[in-house]
Amino acid sequence: VIPTRSIVQTLAAVAVHDPSIRFDDDVVAMTRAAGATRYAAVTVASREALTTVGPCDVGDILGLVDGDIVVVGNDVSSVTRDILTRMLAIGGELVTLVLGAEAGTDLSEDLPEWLAERYPLTDVVVYDGGQPLWPIIMGVE
């Protein structure tokens, strides 16, 4: 069992899985890959609340990094870009985007183009996750 807190960490672990090496070495490599992946997500507030970055109302867009709310906004695309800018400020070679059921072209097409223009040395991988409630889940390695 590889400990992960997000689907993007699981994807990172699976990406380095090598059945040809010793089991213990494979588990260590997979665990390291998962642990080296920072994760983030965007969702819509379902109730009023006081977050660590201030109050939010029903319908506000919440941006989370490593499980903590770091952005409260009103647009999924701008909150997503804000989060990625913060995460990539400390580096990253690979961005993984897992698109939710409600993801539009602003996330599926415009966001990868924006990343390619702004961070040309960073690879971007996009998956159609189809998850409800979370328009996008992101990982940075």
C-alpha atoms as a PDB file:
ATOM      1  CA  VAL A   1       0.000   0.000   0.000  1.00  0.00           C
ATOM      2  CA  ILE A   2       1.391   3.367  -1.084  1.00  0.00           C
ATOM      3  CA  PRO A   3       0.249   6.280   1.123  1.00  0.00           C
ATOM      4  CA  THR A   4      -1.341   9.067  -0.921  1.00  0.00           C
ATOM      5  CA  ARG A   5      -3.710  11.942  -0.188  1.00  0.00           C
ATOM      6  CA  SER A   6      -4.793  12.739  -3.748  1.00  0.00           C
ATOM      7  CA  ILE A   7      -5.388  10.987  -7.049  1.00  0.00           C
ATOM      8  CA  VAL A   8      -2.467  12.897  -8.603  1.00  0.00           C
ATOM      9  CA  GLN A   9      -0.118  11.386  -6.024  1.00  0.00           C
ATOM     10  CA  THR A  10      -1.451   7.954  -6.953  1.00  0.00           C
ATOM     11  CA  LEU A  11      -0.828   8.689 -10.635  1.00  0.00           C
ATOM     12  CA  ALA A  12       2.760   9.732  -9.825  1.00  0.00           C
ATOM     13  CA  ALA A  13       3.324   6.468  -7.950  1.00  0.00           C
ATOM     14  CA  VAL A  14       1.905   4.360 -10.779  1.00  0.00           C
ATOM     15  CA  ALA A  15       4.060   6.235 -13.311  1.00  0.00           C
ATOM     16  CA  VAL A  16       7.279   5.002 -11.678  1.00  0.00           C
ATOM     17  CA  HIS A  17       6.068   1.464 -10.919  1.00  0.00           C
ATOM     18  CA  ASP A  18       8.595  -1.077 -12.219  1.00  0.00           C
ATOM     19  CA  PRO A  19       7.596  -4.722 -11.772  1.00  0.00           C
ATOM     20  CA  SER A  20      11.063  -5.842 -12.915  1.00  0.00           C
ATOM     21  CA  ILE A  21      12.805  -4.581  -9.754  1.00  0.00           C
ATOM     22  CA  ARG A  22      12.656  -5.919  -6.207  1.00  0.00           C
ATOM     23  CA  PHE A  23       9.291  -5.344  -4.544  1.00  0.00           C
ATOM     24  CA  ASP A  24      10.775  -3.314  -1.676  1.00  0.00           C
ATOM     25  CA  ASP A  25      12.702  -1.063  -4.068  1.00  0.00           C
ATOM     26  CA  ASP A  26       9.564  -0.542  -6.161  1.00  0.00           C
ATOM     27  CA  VAL A  27       7.537   0.425  -3.085  1.00  0.00           C
ATOM     28  CA  VAL A  28      10.214   2.930  -2.036  1.00  0.00           C
ATOM     29  CA  ALA A  29      10.330   4.489  -5.521  1.00  0.00           C
ATOM     30  CA  MET A  30       6.537   4.708  -5.723  1.00  0.00           C
ATOM     31  CA  THR A  31       6.283   6.198  -2.224  1.00  0.00           C
ATOM     32  CA  ARG A  32       8.935   8.811  -3.043  1.00  0.00           C
ATOM     33  CA  ALA A  33       7.150   9.785  -6.263  1.00  0.00           C
ATOM     34  CA  ALA A  34       3.838  10.162  -4.441  1.00  0.00           C
ATOM     35  CA  GLY A  35       5.440  12.170  -1.641  1.00  0.00           C
ATOM     36  CA  ALA A  36       7.193  14.502  -4.086  1.00  0.00           C
ATOM     37  CA  THR A  37       3.908  15.438  -5.751  1.00  0.00           C
ATOM     38  CA  ARG A  38       2.227  18.541  -4.394  1.00  0.00           C
ATOM     39  CA  TYR A  39      -1.507  18.497  -4.971  1.00  0.00           C
ATOM     40  CA  ALA A  40      -4.257  21.053  -5.351  1.00  0.00           C
ATOM     41  CA  ALA A  41      -7.918  21.204  -6.270  1.00  0.00           C
ATOM     42  CA  VAL A  42     -10.729  23.605  -7.002  1.00  0.00           C
ATOM     43  CA  THR A  43     -14.293  23.238  -5.770  1.00  0.00           C
ATOM     44  CA  VAL A  44     -17.420  25.293  -5.162  1.00  0.00           C
ATOM     45  CA  ALA A  45     -18.425  26.274  -1.614  1.00  0.00           C
ATOM     46  CA  SER A  46     -21.643  24.549  -0.580  1.00  0.00           C
ATOM     47  CA  ARG A  47     -22.147  26.692   2.532  1.00  0.00           C
ATOM     48  CA  GLU A  48     -20.992  29.868   4.190  1.00  0.00           C
ATOM     49  CA  ALA A  49     -17.823  29.404   6.193  1.00  0.00           C
ATOM     50  CA  LEU A  50     -14.821  31.146   7.638  1.00  0.00           C
ATOM     51  CA  THR A  51     -11.686  29.776   5.965  1.00  0.00           C
ATOM     52  CA  THR A  52      -8.022  30.350   6.728  1.00  0.00           C
ATOM     53  CA  VAL A  53      -7.994  33.053   4.022  1.00  0.00           C
ATOM     54  CA  GLY A  54     -11.258  34.704   5.020  1.00  0.00           C
ATOM     55  CA  PRO A  55     -14.984  34.158   4.680  1.00  0.00           C
ATOM     56  CA  CYS A  56     -16.662  32.363   1.794  1.00  0.00           C
ATOM     57  CA  ASP A  57     -20.268  32.295   0.646  1.00  0.00           C
ATOM     58  CA  VAL A  58     -22.284  29.590  -1.082  1.00  0.00           C
ATOM     59  CA  GLY A  59     -21.114  29.429  -4.690  1.00  0.00           C
ATOM     60  CA  ASP A  60     -17.652  30.897  -4.094  1.00  0.00           C
ATOM     61  CA  ILE A  61     -14.779  29.072  -5.759  1.00  0.00           C
ATOM     62  CA  LEU A  62     -12.337  27.534  -3.292  1.00  0.00           C
ATOM     63  CA  GLY A  63      -8.753  26.726  -4.183  1.00  0.00           C
ATOM     64  CA  LEU A  64      -6.989  24.170  -2.008  1.00  0.00           C
ATOM     65  CA  VAL A  65      -3.287  23.275  -1.903  1.00  0.00           C
ATOM     66  CA  ASP A  66      -2.225  20.195   0.048  1.00  0.00           C
ATOM     67  CA  GLY A  67      -5.675  20.135   1.672  1.00  0.00           C
ATOM     68  CA  ASP A  68      -5.723  23.757   2.884  1.00  0.00           C
ATOM     69  CA  ILE A  69      -7.877  26.518   1.385  1.00  0.00           C
ATOM     70  CA  VAL A  70      -5.523  29.163  -0.014  1.00  0.00           C
ATOM     71  CA  VAL A  71      -7.806  31.083  -2.403  1.00  0.00           C
ATOM     72  CA  VAL A  72     -11.446  32.172  -2.328  1.00  0.00           C
ATOM     73  CA  GLY A  73     -12.581  33.552  -5.671  1.00  0.00           C
ATOM     74  CA  ASN A  74     -15.472  33.752  -8.074  1.00  0.00           C
ATOM     75  CA  ASP A  75     -14.101  32.054 -11.212  1.00  0.00           C
ATOM     76  CA  VAL A  76     -12.789  28.494 -11.561  1.00  0.00           C
ATOM     77  CA  SER A  77     -10.256  29.400 -14.238  1.00  0.00           C
ATOM     78  CA  SER A  78      -8.714  32.337 -12.370  1.00  0.00           C
ATOM     79  CA  VAL A  79      -8.538  30.421  -9.080  1.00  0.00           C
ATOM     80  CA  THR A  80      -6.890  27.498 -10.903  1.00  0.00           C
ATOM     81  CA  ARG A  81      -4.301  29.772 -12.503  1.00  0.00           C
ATOM     82  CA  ASP A  82      -3.632  31.479  -9.165  1.00  0.00           C
ATOM     83  CA  ILE A  83      -2.991  28.129  -7.508  1.00  0.00           C
ATOM     84  CA  LEU A  84      -0.711  26.890 -10.300  1.00  0.00           C
ATOM     85  CA  THR A  85       1.244  30.147 -10.244  1.00  0.00           C
ATOM     86  CA  ARG A  86       1.810  29.722  -6.507  1.00  0.00           C
ATOM     87  CA  MET A  87       2.793  26.077  -6.834  1.00  0.00           C
ATOM     88  CA  LEU A  88       5.120  26.579  -9.801  1.00  0.00           C
ATOM     89  CA  ALA A  89       6.826  29.563  -8.135  1.00  0.00           C
ATOM     90  CA  ILE A  90       8.926  27.052  -6.207  1.00  0.00           C
ATOM     91  CA  GLY A  91       9.527  24.862  -9.257  1.00  0.00           C
ATOM     92  CA  GLY A  92       8.032  21.929 -11.036  1.00  0.00           C
ATOM     93  CA  GLU A  93       8.810  19.751 -14.029  1.00  0.00           C
ATOM     94  CA  LEU A  94       5.413  18.154 -14.558  1.00  0.00           C
ATOM     95  CA  VAL A  95       1.873  19.425 -14.054  1.00  0.00           C
ATOM     96  CA  THR A  96      -0.910  16.849 -13.992  1.00  0.00           C
ATOM     97  CA  LEU A  97      -4.464  18.084 -14.555  1.00  0.00           C
ATOM     98  CA  VAL A  98      -7.416  15.804 -13.762  1.00  0.00           C
ATOM     99  CA  LEU A  99     -10.528  17.397 -15.226  1.00  0.00           C
ATOM    100  CA  GLY A 100     -13.871  17.024 -13.493  1.00  0.00           C
ATOM    101  CA  ALA A 101     -17.287  16.374 -14.990  1.00  0.00           C
ATOM    102  CA  GLU A 102     -18.052  20.113 -15.109  1.00  0.00           C
ATOM    103  CA  ALA A 103     -14.716  21.199 -16.635  1.00  0.00           C
ATOM    104  CA  GLY A 104     -15.152  23.397 -19.692  1.00  0.00           C
ATOM    105  CA  THR A 105     -12.778  24.403 -22.464  1.00  0.00           C
ATOM    106  CA  ASP A 106     -11.271  27.041 -20.167  1.00  0.00           C
ATOM    107  CA  LEU A 107      -9.708  24.145 -18.242  1.00  0.00           C
ATOM    108  CA  SER A 108      -9.371  21.467 -20.930  1.00  0.00           C
ATOM    109  CA  GLU A 109      -7.894  23.645 -23.701  1.00  0.00           C
ATOM    110  CA  ASP A 110      -7.065  27.168 -22.486  1.00  0.00           C
ATOM    111  CA  LEU A 111      -5.301  26.122 -19.270  1.00  0.00           C
ATOM    112  CA  PRO A 112      -2.759  23.761 -20.918  1.00  0.00           C
ATOM    113  CA  GLU A 113      -2.020  26.481 -23.509  1.00  0.00           C
ATOM    114  CA  TRP A 114      -1.531  29.061 -20.733  1.00  0.00           C
ATOM    115  CA  LEU A 115       0.811  26.691 -18.904  1.00  0.00           C
ATOM    116  CA  ALA A 116       2.826  26.017 -22.079  1.00  0.00           C
ATOM    117  CA  GLU A 117       3.245  29.751 -22.715  1.00  0.00           C
ATOM    118  CA  ARG A 118       3.999  30.750 -19.124  1.00  0.00           C
ATOM    119  CA  TYR A 119       6.051  27.688 -18.100  1.00  0.00           C
ATOM    120  CA  PRO A 120       7.600  26.336 -21.321  1.00  0.00           C
ATOM    121  CA  LEU A 121       9.978  23.963 -19.526  1.00  0.00           C
ATOM    122  CA  THR A 122       7.157  22.272 -17.622  1.00  0.00           C
ATOM    123  CA  ASP A 123       5.393  19.257 -19.126  1.00  0.00           C
ATOM    124  CA  VAL A 124       1.603  19.121 -18.834  1.00  0.00           C
ATOM    125  CA  VAL A 125      -0.499  15.960 -18.765  1.00  0.00           C
ATOM    126  CA  VAL A 126      -4.294  16.152 -18.894  1.00  0.00           C
ATOM    127  CA  TYR A 127      -6.690  13.387 -17.819  1.00  0.00           C
ATOM    128  CA  ASP A 128     -10.475  13.337 -18.047  1.00  0.00           C
ATOM    129  CA  GLY A 129     -11.305  12.241 -14.511  1.00  0.00           C
ATOM    130  CA  GLY A 130     -15.014  12.984 -14.703  1.00  0.00           C
ATOM    131  CA  GLN A 131     -15.183  13.536 -10.943  1.00  0.00           C
ATOM    132  CA  PRO A 132     -18.156  15.435  -9.508  1.00  0.00           C
ATOM    133  CA  LEU A 133     -17.755  18.447  -7.187  1.00  0.00           C
ATOM    134  CA  TRP A 134     -14.126  19.092  -8.166  1.00  0.00           C
ATOM    135  CA  PRO A 135     -13.813  20.848 -11.560  1.00  0.00           C
ATOM    136  CA  ILE A 136     -10.070  20.216 -11.483  1.00  0.00           C
ATOM    137  CA  ILE A 137      -7.494  18.373  -9.408  1.00  0.00           C
ATOM    138  CA  MET A 138      -3.830  19.263 -10.023  1.00  0.00           C
ATOM    139  CA  GLY A 139      -0.454  17.838  -9.213  1.00  0.00           C
ATOM    140  CA  VAL A 140       2.983  19.413  -9.522  1.00  0.00           C
ATOM    141  CA  GLU A 141       6.112  17.293  -9.502  1.00  0.00           C
END
